[in-house]
Amino acid sequence: MQLSVWEKPVDLRNRGDLNRIIEDPPHKRKLEATTTNHSDGSSSEDGREDPNLKTKRNRTEGLASPGPEEAEREDPGAKTPPPAQILLPLEERATHFRDMLLERGVSAFSTWEKELHKIVFDPRYLLLNPEERRQIFEQFVKTRIKEEYKEKKSKLLLAKEEFKKLLEESKLSPRTTFKEFAEKYGRDQRFRLVPKKKDQEHFFNQFILILKKRDKENRLRLRKNEMSAHRGNKAESRRAGGPRAEGAGRSPGPGSPGQEEALKALVPGESLCIRTAIFTAITTAITTIVITLEVRPTRAQEDAD
């Protein structure tokens, strides 16, 4: 008979039934039974049990009753809850479970089945029973939705501020297009903080509108300053040369010397009264024309302002 030599596996070291089989193998038992039969003669069927049947029964018992290590390996803590679940109060265990959901990045916009793979291997998952887990998860989702909305809004505002700083530092003109801006600053980190192109174009267009409005206001202010300076220079020139011009352009009155000579030159052959009336009419007409010419530019400037 050929025997095999092998080392006993760790899982089978505490198996008492296997130890008995190894110590009393079937072939050895059969050999002893044969020797006994030859020495004693015939044996009684009622008093002796067949060795082969006994060996089979031992094997069946060994398979039906596994050792303690194998039993613990097959069902680790299935019937008994973890020690922490027994010692800690429910509120504290629920707090640990919520912390786990937050740390594992469980999304409030997903379902329990889709997020289960993120938390099932965490030791804190076993702190609650299945019903308590679902309840805490539902509460967490309701609260977390509002918080995630606020976080997204805050991130968008921060991204908008950084994007605005980039626009101000770029020294854009009112005629710059978004395509030109994106080609030049598309690799900037502040440009990438705004993920959607739609939002990028919206912020850019808002900034360009501000630039156009600012440019228009500057041009209007510059024009007003120029007109104010022009009116000031004109008034100054009037004050400087007004008296001399007024005296030089004044016609001689009725009592002025040389009036008669002037009237005779203008209207020869007429009496003094007629000459005086004609002279007065001419002077009034000239004065009216001069005043009209001076008033028209002033009104035009006021309308332009």
C-alpha atoms as a PDB file:
ATOM      1  CA  MET A   1       0.000   0.000   0.000  1.00  0.00           C
ATOM      2  CA  GLN A   2       1.308   3.468  -0.963  1.00  0.00           C
ATOM      3  CA  LEU A   3       1.003   6.218   1.682  1.00  0.00           C
ATOM      4  CA  SER A   4       1.019  10.020   1.104  1.00  0.00           C
ATOM      5  CA  VAL A   5       2.814  12.529   3.331  1.00  0.00           C
ATOM      6  CA  TRP A   6       1.205  15.977   3.843  1.00  0.00           C
ATOM      7  CA  GLU A   7       0.952  18.793   6.378  1.00  0.00           C
ATOM      8  CA  LYS A   8      -2.330  19.429   8.077  1.00  0.00           C
ATOM      9  CA  PRO A   9      -3.952  22.754   6.973  1.00  0.00           C
ATOM     10  CA  VAL A  10      -4.636  25.398   9.595  1.00  0.00           C
ATOM     11  CA  ASP A  11      -8.394  25.079   9.134  1.00  0.00           C
ATOM     12  CA  LEU A  12      -8.292  21.378  10.035  1.00  0.00           C
ATOM     13  CA  ARG A  13      -6.055  21.463  13.114  1.00  0.00           C
ATOM     14  CA  ASN A  14      -8.919  21.706  15.617  1.00  0.00           C
ATOM     15  CA  ARG A  15     -11.083  19.076  13.948  1.00  0.00           C
ATOM     16  CA  GLY A  16     -11.329  16.287  16.512  1.00  0.00           C
ATOM     17  CA  ASP A  17     -13.077  13.874  14.191  1.00  0.00           C
ATOM     18  CA  LEU A  18     -10.329  14.212  11.590  1.00  0.00           C
ATOM     19  CA  ASN A  19      -7.672  13.671  14.229  1.00  0.00           C
ATOM     20  CA  ARG A  20      -9.352  10.425  15.231  1.00  0.00           C
ATOM     21  CA  ILE A  21      -9.503   9.291  11.617  1.00  0.00           C
ATOM     22  CA  ILE A  22      -5.836  10.099  11.083  1.00  0.00           C
ATOM     23  CA  GLU A  23      -4.801   8.290  14.249  1.00  0.00           C
ATOM     24  CA  ASP A  24      -6.971   5.301  13.366  1.00  0.00           C
ATOM     25  CA  PRO A  25      -7.034   5.154   9.544  1.00  0.00           C
ATOM     26  CA  PRO A  26      -9.400   2.738   7.773  1.00  0.00           C
ATOM     27  CA  HIS A  27      -6.695   0.538   6.303  1.00  0.00           C
ATOM     28  CA  LYS A  28      -5.119   0.042   9.735  1.00  0.00           C
ATOM     29  CA  ARG A  29      -8.492  -0.722  11.275  1.00  0.00           C
ATOM     30  CA  LYS A  30      -9.251  -3.190   8.485  1.00  0.00           C
ATOM     31  CA  LEU A  31      -5.935  -4.904   8.992  1.00  0.00           C
ATOM     32  CA  GLU A  32      -6.545  -5.240  12.733  1.00  0.00           C
ATOM     33  CA  ALA A  33     -10.024  -6.585  12.104  1.00  0.00           C
ATOM     34  CA  THR A  34      -8.663  -9.211   9.715  1.00  0.00           C
ATOM     35  CA  THR A  35      -6.008 -10.290  12.218  1.00  0.00           C
ATOM     36  CA  THR A  36      -8.579 -10.556  14.978  1.00  0.00           C
ATOM     37  CA  ASN A  37     -10.863 -12.636  12.788  1.00  0.00           C
ATOM     38  CA  HIS A  38      -8.097 -15.060  12.007  1.00  0.00           C
ATOM     39  CA  SER A  39      -7.016 -15.381  15.628  1.00  0.00           C
ATOM     40  CA  ASP A  40     -10.447 -15.687  17.240  1.00  0.00           C
ATOM     41  CA  GLY A  41     -12.162 -17.510  14.446  1.00  0.00           C
ATOM     42  CA  SER A  42     -15.505 -16.193  13.446  1.00  0.00           C
ATOM     43  CA  SER A  43     -16.959 -13.037  14.935  1.00  0.00           C
ATOM     44  CA  SER A  44     -20.550 -12.330  15.883  1.00  0.00           C
ATOM     45  CA  GLU A  45     -22.470  -9.953  13.582  1.00  0.00           C
ATOM     46  CA  ASP A  46     -24.494  -8.550  16.524  1.00  0.00           C
ATOM     47  CA  GLY A  47     -21.505  -7.746  18.708  1.00  0.00           C
ATOM     48  CA  ARG A  48     -19.176  -6.096  16.170  1.00  0.00           C
ATOM     49  CA  GLU A  49     -19.760  -3.173  13.843  1.00  0.00           C
ATOM     50  CA  ASP A  50     -18.356  -3.008  10.365  1.00  0.00           C
ATOM     51  CA  PRO A  51     -15.239  -0.758  10.365  1.00  0.00           C
ATOM     52  CA  ASN A  52     -16.136   0.706   6.984  1.00  0.00           C
ATOM     53  CA  LEU A  53     -19.551   1.783   8.279  1.00  0.00           C
ATOM     54  CA  LYS A  54     -17.955   3.331  11.359  1.00  0.00           C
ATOM     55  CA  THR A  55     -15.507   5.274   9.229  1.00  0.00           C
ATOM     56  CA  LYS A  56     -18.291   6.600   7.026  1.00  0.00           C
ATOM     57  CA  ARG A  57     -20.286   7.660  10.093  1.00  0.00           C
ATOM     58  CA  ASN A  58     -17.284   9.499  11.520  1.00  0.00           C
ATOM     59  CA  ARG A  59     -16.817  11.354   8.262  1.00  0.00           C
ATOM     60  CA  THR A  60     -20.475  12.346   8.166  1.00  0.00           C
ATOM     61  CA  GLU A  61     -20.372  13.614  11.736  1.00  0.00           C
ATOM     62  CA  GLY A  62     -17.237  15.591  11.005  1.00  0.00           C
ATOM     63  CA  LEU A  63     -18.834  17.325   8.034  1.00  0.00           C
ATOM     64  CA  ALA A  64     -22.065  18.016   9.906  1.00  0.00           C
ATOM     65  CA  SER A  65     -20.358  19.644  12.900  1.00  0.00           C
ATOM     66  CA  PRO A  66     -17.623  22.080  11.779  1.00  0.00           C
ATOM     67  CA  GLY A  67     -15.038  23.373  14.220  1.00  0.00           C
ATOM     68  CA  PRO A  68     -15.296  26.725  16.025  1.00  0.00           C
ATOM     69  CA  GLU A  69     -12.883  28.531  13.729  1.00  0.00           C
ATOM     70  CA  GLU A  70     -14.764  27.532  10.602  1.00  0.00           C
ATOM     71  CA  ALA A  71     -18.085  28.530  12.139  1.00  0.00           C
ATOM     72  CA  GLU A  72     -16.778  31.964  13.041  1.00  0.00           C
ATOM     73  CA  ARG A  73     -15.325  32.392   9.553  1.00  0.00           C
ATOM     74  CA  GLU A  74     -18.590  31.504   7.838  1.00  0.00           C
ATOM     75  CA  ASP A  75     -20.837  33.783   9.935  1.00  0.00           C
ATOM     76  CA  PRO A  76     -18.792  36.567  11.597  1.00  0.00           C
ATOM     77  CA  GLY A  77     -21.095  38.572  13.827  1.00  0.00           C
ATOM     78  CA  ALA A  78     -24.235  37.828  11.844  1.00  0.00           C
ATOM     79  CA  LYS A  79     -26.349  37.016  14.851  1.00  0.00           C
ATOM     80  CA  THR A  80     -24.694  39.256  17.441  1.00  0.00           C
ATOM     81  CA  PRO A  81     -24.313  43.030  16.816  1.00  0.00           C
ATOM     82  CA  PRO A  82     -20.888  44.707  17.086  1.00  0.00           C
ATOM     83  CA  PRO A  83     -19.747  45.712  20.588  1.00  0.00           C
ATOM     84  CA  ALA A  84     -20.002  49.413  19.713  1.00  0.00           C
ATOM     85  CA  GLN A  85     -23.639  48.942  18.717  1.00  0.00           C
ATOM     86  CA  ILE A  86     -24.361  47.525  22.168  1.00  0.00           C
ATOM     87  CA  LEU A  87     -22.388  50.012  24.276  1.00  0.00           C
ATOM     88  CA  LEU A  88     -23.022  53.354  22.490  1.00  0.00           C
ATOM     89  CA  PRO A  89     -26.418  55.114  22.675  1.00  0.00           C
ATOM     90  CA  LEU A  90     -28.469  55.483  19.518  1.00  0.00           C
ATOM     91  CA  GLU A  91     -27.895  59.221  19.142  1.00  0.00           C
ATOM     92  CA  GLU A  92     -24.125  58.842  19.252  1.00  0.00           C
ATOM     93  CA  ARG A  93     -24.195  55.963  16.790  1.00  0.00           C
ATOM     94  CA  ALA A  94     -26.399  58.025  14.474  1.00  0.00           C
ATOM     95  CA  THR A  95     -23.916  60.903  14.693  1.00  0.00           C
ATOM     96  CA  HIS A  96     -21.037  58.611  13.707  1.00  0.00           C
ATOM     97  CA  PHE A  97     -23.109  57.291  10.824  1.00  0.00           C
ATOM     98  CA  ARG A  98     -23.830  60.822   9.554  1.00  0.00           C
ATOM     99  CA  ASP A  99     -20.139  61.687   9.787  1.00  0.00           C
ATOM    100  CA  MET A 100     -19.387  58.624   7.704  1.00  0.00           C
ATOM    101  CA  LEU A 101     -21.900  59.676   5.035  1.00  0.00           C
ATOM    102  CA  LEU A 102     -20.337  63.128   4.874  1.00  0.00           C
ATOM    103  CA  GLU A 103     -16.732  61.891   4.815  1.00  0.00           C
ATOM    104  CA  ARG A 104     -17.441  59.303   2.120  1.00  0.00           C
ATOM    105  CA  GLY A 105     -18.933  61.943  -0.161  1.00  0.00           C
ATOM    106  CA  VAL A 106     -22.446  60.536  -0.316  1.00  0.00           C
ATOM    107  CA  SER A 107     -24.455  62.686  -2.724  1.00  0.00           C
ATOM    108  CA  ALA A 108     -27.753  64.110  -1.593  1.00  0.00           C
ATOM    109  CA  PHE A 109     -29.069  63.907  -5.159  1.00  0.00           C
ATOM    110  CA  SER A 110     -28.578  60.131  -5.435  1.00  0.00           C
ATOM    111  CA  THR A 111     -30.317  57.042  -4.014  1.00  0.00           C
ATOM    112  CA  TRP A 112     -29.436  54.635  -1.234  1.00  0.00           C
ATOM    113  CA  GLU A 113     -28.724  51.790  -3.658  1.00  0.00           C
ATOM    114  CA  LYS A 114     -26.334  53.873  -5.772  1.00  0.00           C
ATOM    115  CA  GLU A 115     -24.411  55.241  -2.781  1.00  0.00           C
ATOM    116  CA  LEU A 116     -24.220  51.985  -0.820  1.00  0.00           C
ATOM    117  CA  HIS A 117     -20.863  50.934  -2.289  1.00  0.00           C
ATOM    118  CA  LYS A 118     -19.216  54.028  -0.763  1.00  0.00           C
ATOM    119  CA  ILE A 119     -20.063  53.148   2.839  1.00  0.00           C
ATOM    120  CA  VAL A 120     -20.658  49.405   3.092  1.00  0.00           C
ATOM    121  CA  PHE A 121     -17.020  48.614   3.986  1.00  0.00           C
ATOM    122  CA  ASP A 122     -16.712  51.322   6.630  1.00  0.00           C
ATOM    123  CA  PRO A 123     -16.805  49.963  10.223  1.00  0.00           C
ATOM    124  CA  ARG A 124     -19.294  52.671  11.179  1.00  0.00           C
ATOM    125  CA  TYR A 125     -21.775  51.144   8.759  1.00  0.00           C
ATOM    126  CA  LEU A 126     -22.450  48.365  11.306  1.00  0.00           C
ATOM    127  CA  LEU A 127     -23.314  50.767  14.122  1.00  0.00           C
ATOM    128  CA  LEU A 128     -26.979  50.791  13.050  1.00  0.00           C
ATOM    129  CA  ASN A 129     -29.406  48.153  11.951  1.00  0.00           C
ATOM    130  CA  PRO A 130     -30.805  48.244   8.378  1.00  0.00           C
ATOM    131  CA  GLU A 131     -33.935  50.176   9.310  1.00  0.00           C
ATOM    132  CA  GLU A 132     -31.984  52.817  11.249  1.00  0.00           C
ATOM    133  CA  ARG A 133     -29.517  53.215   8.366  1.00  0.00           C
ATOM    134  CA  ARG A 134     -32.261  54.041   5.887  1.00  0.00           C
ATOM    135  CA  GLN A 135     -33.875  56.507   8.285  1.00  0.00           C
ATOM    136  CA  ILE A 136     -30.604  58.338   8.962  1.00  0.00           C
ATOM    137  CA  PHE A 137     -29.831  58.352   5.234  1.00  0.00           C
ATOM    138  CA  GLU A 138     -33.191  59.939   4.376  1.00  0.00           C
ATOM    139  CA  GLN A 139     -32.686  62.622   7.041  1.00  0.00           C
ATOM    140  CA  PHE A 140     -29.156  63.240   5.806  1.00  0.00           C
ATOM    141  CA  VAL A 141     -30.353  63.669   2.217  1.00  0.00           C
ATOM    142  CA  LYS A 142     -33.023  66.239   3.123  1.00  0.00           C
ATOM    143  CA  THR A 143     -30.555  68.341   5.092  1.00  0.00           C
ATOM    144  CA  ARG A 144     -27.682  67.892   2.689  1.00  0.00           C
ATOM    145  CA  ILE A 145     -29.630  69.081  -0.368  1.00  0.00           C
ATOM    146  CA  LYS A 146     -29.925  72.601   1.085  1.00  0.00           C
ATOM    147  CA  GLU A 147     -26.294  72.613   2.172  1.00  0.00           C
ATOM    148  CA  GLU A 148     -25.032  71.445  -1.217  1.00  0.00           C
ATOM    149  CA  TYR A 149     -27.126  74.112  -2.939  1.00  0.00           C
ATOM    150  CA  LYS A 150     -25.576  76.797  -0.720  1.00  0.00           C
ATOM    151  CA  GLU A 151     -22.087  75.400  -1.334  1.00  0.00           C
ATOM    152  CA  LYS A 152     -22.574  75.428  -5.100  1.00  0.00           C
ATOM    153  CA  LYS A 153     -23.888  78.992  -4.968  1.00  0.00           C
ATOM    154  CA  SER A 154     -20.943  80.097  -2.835  1.00  0.00           C
ATOM    155  CA  LYS A 155     -18.463  78.423  -5.203  1.00  0.00           C
ATOM    156  CA  LEU A 156     -20.096  80.110  -8.182  1.00  0.00           C
ATOM    157  CA  LEU A 157     -19.873  83.528  -6.516  1.00  0.00           C
ATOM    158  CA  LEU A 158     -16.215  82.958  -5.696  1.00  0.00           C
ATOM    159  CA  ALA A 159     -15.538  81.825  -9.262  1.00  0.00           C
ATOM    160  CA  LYS A 160     -17.337  84.925 -10.561  1.00  0.00           C
ATOM    161  CA  GLU A 161     -15.170  87.226  -8.433  1.00  0.00           C
ATOM    162  CA  GLU A 162     -11.976  85.557  -9.652  1.00  0.00           C
ATOM    163  CA  PHE A 163     -13.223  85.704 -13.241  1.00  0.00           C
ATOM    164  CA  LYS A 164     -13.984  89.414 -12.833  1.00  0.00           C
ATOM    165  CA  LYS A 165     -10.459  90.039 -11.516  1.00  0.00           C
ATOM    166  CA  LEU A 166      -9.092  88.313 -14.604  1.00  0.00           C
ATOM    167  CA  LEU A 167     -11.234  90.538 -16.834  1.00  0.00           C
ATOM    168  CA  GLU A 168     -10.029  93.690 -15.079  1.00  0.00           C
ATOM    169  CA  GLU A 169      -6.390  92.650 -15.287  1.00  0.00           C
ATOM    170  CA  SER A 170      -6.721  91.802 -18.991  1.00  0.00           C
ATOM    171  CA  LYS A 171      -7.213  95.495 -19.929  1.00  0.00           C
ATOM    172  CA  LEU A 172      -9.940  94.745 -22.451  1.00  0.00           C
ATOM    173  CA  SER A 173     -11.477  97.293 -24.783  1.00  0.00           C
ATOM    174  CA  PRO A 174     -15.204  97.640 -25.511  1.00  0.00           C
ATOM    175  CA  ARG A 175     -14.595  96.048 -28.911  1.00  0.00           C
ATOM    176  CA  THR A 176     -12.938  92.860 -27.610  1.00  0.00           C
ATOM    177  CA  THR A 177     -14.863  89.645 -28.368  1.00  0.00           C
ATOM    178  CA  PHE A 178     -15.256  86.615 -26.123  1.00  0.00           C
ATOM    179  CA  LYS A 179     -13.427  84.431 -28.634  1.00  0.00           C
ATOM    180  CA  GLU A 180     -10.361  86.661 -28.490  1.00  0.00           C
ATOM    181  CA  PHE A 181     -10.465  86.711 -24.707  1.00  0.00           C
ATOM    182  CA  ALA A 182     -10.858  82.903 -24.449  1.00  0.00           C
ATOM    183  CA  GLU A 183      -7.984  82.231 -26.845  1.00  0.00           C
ATOM    184  CA  LYS A 184      -5.658  84.447 -24.833  1.00  0.00           C
ATOM    185  CA  TYR A 185      -6.652  83.555 -21.257  1.00  0.00           C
ATOM    186  CA  GLY A 186      -8.291  80.128 -21.645  1.00  0.00           C
ATOM    187  CA  ARG A 187      -5.483  78.397 -19.725  1.00  0.00           C
ATOM    188  CA  ASP A 188      -5.694  80.698 -16.735  1.00  0.00           C
ATOM    189  CA  GLN A 189      -6.897  78.968 -13.566  1.00  0.00           C
ATOM    190  CA  ARG A 190      -9.379  81.761 -12.870  1.00  0.00           C
ATOM    191  CA  PHE A 191     -10.886  81.216 -16.313  1.00  0.00           C
ATOM    192  CA  ARG A 192     -11.391  77.510 -15.573  1.00  0.00           C
ATOM    193  CA  LEU A 193     -13.072  78.152 -12.228  1.00  0.00           C
ATOM    194  CA  VAL A 194     -16.280  78.846 -14.167  1.00  0.00           C
ATOM    195  CA  PRO A 195     -16.993  75.416 -15.691  1.00  0.00           C
ATOM    196  CA  LYS A 196     -19.810  76.314 -18.085  1.00  0.00           C
ATOM    197  CA  LYS A 197     -19.079  78.268 -21.244  1.00  0.00           C
ATOM    198  CA  LYS A 198     -22.525  79.846 -21.015  1.00  0.00           C
ATOM    199  CA  ASP A 199     -21.644  81.417 -17.653  1.00  0.00           C
ATOM    200  CA  GLN A 200     -18.261  82.542 -18.957  1.00  0.00           C
ATOM    201  CA  GLU A 201     -19.851  84.388 -21.872  1.00  0.00           C
ATOM    202  CA  HIS A 202     -22.480  85.890 -19.564  1.00  0.00           C
ATOM    203  CA  PHE A 203     -19.878  87.329 -17.168  1.00  0.00           C
ATOM    204  CA  PHE A 204     -17.777  88.555 -20.098  1.00  0.00           C
ATOM    205  CA  ASN A 205     -20.715  90.332 -21.768  1.00  0.00           C
ATOM    206  CA  GLN A 206     -21.664  91.990 -18.484  1.00  0.00           C
ATOM    207  CA  PHE A 207     -18.129  93.323 -18.127  1.00  0.00           C
ATOM    208  CA  ILE A 208     -18.076  94.588 -21.732  1.00  0.00           C
ATOM    209  CA  LEU A 209     -21.367  96.438 -21.174  1.00  0.00           C
ATOM    210  CA  ILE A 210     -19.826  98.144 -18.154  1.00  0.00           C
ATOM    211  CA  LEU A 211     -16.807  99.134 -20.254  1.00  0.00           C
ATOM    212  CA  LYS A 212     -19.025 100.592 -22.989  1.00  0.00           C
ATOM    213  CA  LYS A 213     -21.076 102.575 -20.482  1.00  0.00           C
ATOM    214  CA  ARG A 214     -17.931 103.845 -18.782  1.00  0.00           C
ATOM    215  CA  ASP A 215     -16.413 104.857 -22.116  1.00  0.00           C
ATOM    216  CA  LYS A 216     -19.567 106.755 -23.108  1.00  0.00           C
ATOM    217  CA  GLU A 217     -19.647 108.617 -19.797  1.00  0.00           C
ATOM    218  CA  ASN A 218     -15.989 109.596 -20.192  1.00  0.00           C
ATOM    219  CA  ARG A 219     -16.597 110.973 -23.685  1.00  0.00           C
ATOM    220  CA  LEU A 220     -19.590 113.021 -22.516  1.00  0.00           C
ATOM    221  CA  ARG A 221     -17.636 114.372 -19.560  1.00  0.00           C
ATOM    222  CA  LEU A 222     -14.731 115.338 -21.813  1.00  0.00           C
ATOM    223  CA  ARG A 223     -17.059 117.121 -24.232  1.00  0.00           C
ATOM    224  CA  LYS A 224     -18.688 119.102 -21.422  1.00  0.00           C
ATOM    225  CA  ASN A 225     -15.305 120.123 -20.090  1.00  0.00           C
ATOM    226  CA  GLU A 226     -14.217 121.322 -23.522  1.00  0.00           C
ATOM    227  CA  MET A 227     -17.389 123.377 -24.003  1.00  0.00           C
ATOM    228  CA  SER A 228     -17.090 124.900 -20.534  1.00  0.00           C
ATOM    229  CA  ALA A 229     -13.512 125.881 -21.239  1.00  0.00           C
ATOM    230  CA  HIS A 230     -14.530 127.416 -24.578  1.00  0.00           C
ATOM    231  CA  ARG A 231     -17.279 129.519 -22.968  1.00  0.00           C
ATOM    232  CA  GLY A 232     -14.897 130.658 -20.256  1.00  0.00           C
ATOM    233  CA  ASN A 233     -12.304 131.797 -22.784  1.00  0.00           C
ATOM    234  CA  LYS A 234     -14.935 133.681 -24.772  1.00  0.00           C
ATOM    235  CA  ALA A 235     -16.256 135.473 -21.684  1.00  0.00           C
ATOM    236  CA  GLU A 236     -12.724 136.378 -20.673  1.00  0.00           C
ATOM    237  CA  SER A 237     -12.023 137.871 -24.078  1.00  0.00           C
ATOM    238  CA  ARG A 238     -15.228 139.907 -23.859  1.00  0.00           C
ATOM    239  CA  ARG A 239     -14.286 141.293 -20.462  1.00  0.00           C
ATOM    240  CA  ALA A 240     -10.805 142.154 -21.660  1.00  0.00           C
ATOM    241  CA  GLY A 241     -11.775 144.110 -24.845  1.00  0.00           C
ATOM    242  CA  GLY A 242     -15.376 145.187 -24.071  1.00  0.00           C
ATOM    243  CA  PRO A 243     -15.039 148.927 -23.075  1.00  0.00           C
ATOM    244  CA  ARG A 244     -12.748 149.901 -25.927  1.00  0.00           C
ATOM    245  CA  ALA A 245     -14.815 148.087 -28.497  1.00  0.00           C
ATOM    246  CA  GLU A 246     -17.967 149.652 -27.098  1.00  0.00           C
ATOM    247  CA  GLY A 247     -16.497 153.173 -27.267  1.00  0.00           C
ATOM    248  CA  ALA A 248     -15.096 152.648 -30.725  1.00  0.00           C
ATOM    249  CA  GLY A 249     -18.317 151.364 -32.192  1.00  0.00           C
ATOM    250  CA  ARG A 250     -20.610 153.946 -30.574  1.00  0.00           C
ATOM    251  CA  SER A 251     -22.129 156.402 -33.020  1.00  0.00           C
ATOM    252  CA  PRO A 252     -22.028 160.108 -32.162  1.00  0.00           C
ATOM    253  CA  GLY A 253     -25.162 161.235 -30.335  1.00  0.00           C
ATOM    254  CA  PRO A 254     -27.244 164.261 -31.100  1.00  0.00           C
ATOM    255  CA  GLY A 255     -25.015 166.505 -29.021  1.00  0.00           C
ATOM    256  CA  SER A 256     -21.726 165.088 -30.175  1.00  0.00           C
ATOM    257  CA  PRO A 257     -19.371 167.227 -32.200  1.00  0.00           C
ATOM    258  CA  GLY A 258     -19.409 166.452 -35.873  1.00  0.00           C
ATOM    259  CA  GLN A 259     -22.989 165.137 -35.829  1.00  0.00           C
ATOM    260  CA  GLU A 260     -24.146 167.693 -38.316  1.00  0.00           C
ATOM    261  CA  GLU A 261     -21.289 166.900 -40.686  1.00  0.00           C
ATOM    262  CA  ALA A 262     -22.037 163.194 -40.446  1.00  0.00           C
ATOM    263  CA  LEU A 263     -25.739 163.720 -41.070  1.00  0.00           C
ATOM    264  CA  LYS A 264     -25.038 166.037 -44.016  1.00  0.00           C
ATOM    265  CA  ALA A 265     -22.773 163.394 -45.500  1.00  0.00           C
ATOM    266  CA  LEU A 266     -25.391 160.631 -45.074  1.00  0.00           C
ATOM    267  CA  VAL A 267     -28.508 162.617 -46.071  1.00  0.00           C
ATOM    268  CA  PRO A 268     -27.526 165.753 -48.028  1.00  0.00           C
ATOM    269  CA  GLY A 269     -30.142 168.395 -48.728  1.00  0.00           C
ATOM    270  CA  GLU A 270     -32.513 167.463 -45.823  1.00  0.00           C
ATOM    271  CA  SER A 271     -33.369 169.306 -42.640  1.00  0.00           C
ATOM    272  CA  LEU A 272     -31.731 168.462 -39.297  1.00  0.00           C
ATOM    273  CA  CYS A 273     -34.818 166.661 -37.907  1.00  0.00           C
ATOM    274  CA  ILE A 274     -35.093 164.335 -40.864  1.00  0.00           C
ATOM    275  CA  ARG A 275     -31.402 163.640 -40.778  1.00  0.00           C
ATOM    276  CA  THR A 276     -31.586 162.808 -37.033  1.00  0.00           C
ATOM    277  CA  ALA A 277     -34.512 160.409 -37.517  1.00  0.00           C
ATOM    278  CA  ILE A 278     -32.750 158.585 -40.337  1.00  0.00           C
ATOM    279  CA  PHE A 279     -29.574 158.332 -38.287  1.00  0.00           C
ATOM    280  CA  THR A 280     -31.478 156.898 -35.285  1.00  0.00           C
ATOM    281  CA  ALA A 281     -33.184 154.261 -37.433  1.00  0.00           C
ATOM    282  CA  ILE A 282     -29.902 153.151 -38.953  1.00  0.00           C
ATOM    283  CA  THR A 283     -28.252 152.928 -35.530  1.00  0.00           C
ATOM    284  CA  THR A 284     -31.132 150.855 -34.124  1.00  0.00           C
ATOM    285  CA  ALA A 285     -30.984 148.427 -37.042  1.00  0.00           C
ATOM    286  CA  ILE A 286     -27.249 147.940 -36.680  1.00  0.00           C
ATOM    287  CA  THR A 287     -27.588 147.317 -32.937  1.00  0.00           C
ATOM    288  CA  THR A 288     -30.333 144.731 -33.520  1.00  0.00           C
ATOM    289  CA  ILE A 289     -28.207 142.877 -36.062  1.00  0.00           C
ATOM    290  CA  VAL A 290     -25.214 142.774 -33.722  1.00  0.00           C
ATOM    291  CA  ILE A 291     -27.294 141.441 -30.805  1.00  0.00           C
ATOM    292  CA  THR A 292     -28.850 138.755 -33.015  1.00  0.00           C
ATOM    293  CA  LEU A 293     -25.450 137.552 -34.203  1.00  0.00           C
ATOM    294  CA  GLU A 294     -24.197 137.287 -30.617  1.00  0.00           C
ATOM    295  CA  VAL A 295     -27.259 135.413 -29.284  1.00  0.00           C
ATOM    296  CA  ARG A 296     -27.396 132.673 -31.932  1.00  0.00           C
ATOM    297  CA  PRO A 297     -24.069 130.926 -31.073  1.00  0.00           C
ATOM    298  CA  THR A 298     -24.931 130.993 -27.370  1.00  0.00           C
ATOM    299  CA  ARG A 299     -28.262 129.232 -27.934  1.00  0.00           C
ATOM    300  CA  ALA A 300     -26.622 126.690 -30.204  1.00  0.00           C
ATOM    301  CA  GLN A 301     -24.083 125.841 -27.508  1.00  0.00           C
ATOM    302  CA  GLU A 302     -26.816 125.500 -24.862  1.00  0.00           C
ATOM    303  CA  ASP A 303     -28.793 123.142 -27.096  1.00  0.00           C
ATOM    304  CA  ALA A 304     -25.681 121.055 -27.651  1.00  0.00           C
ATOM    305  CA  ASP A 305     -25.098 120.813 -23.880  1.00  0.00           C
END
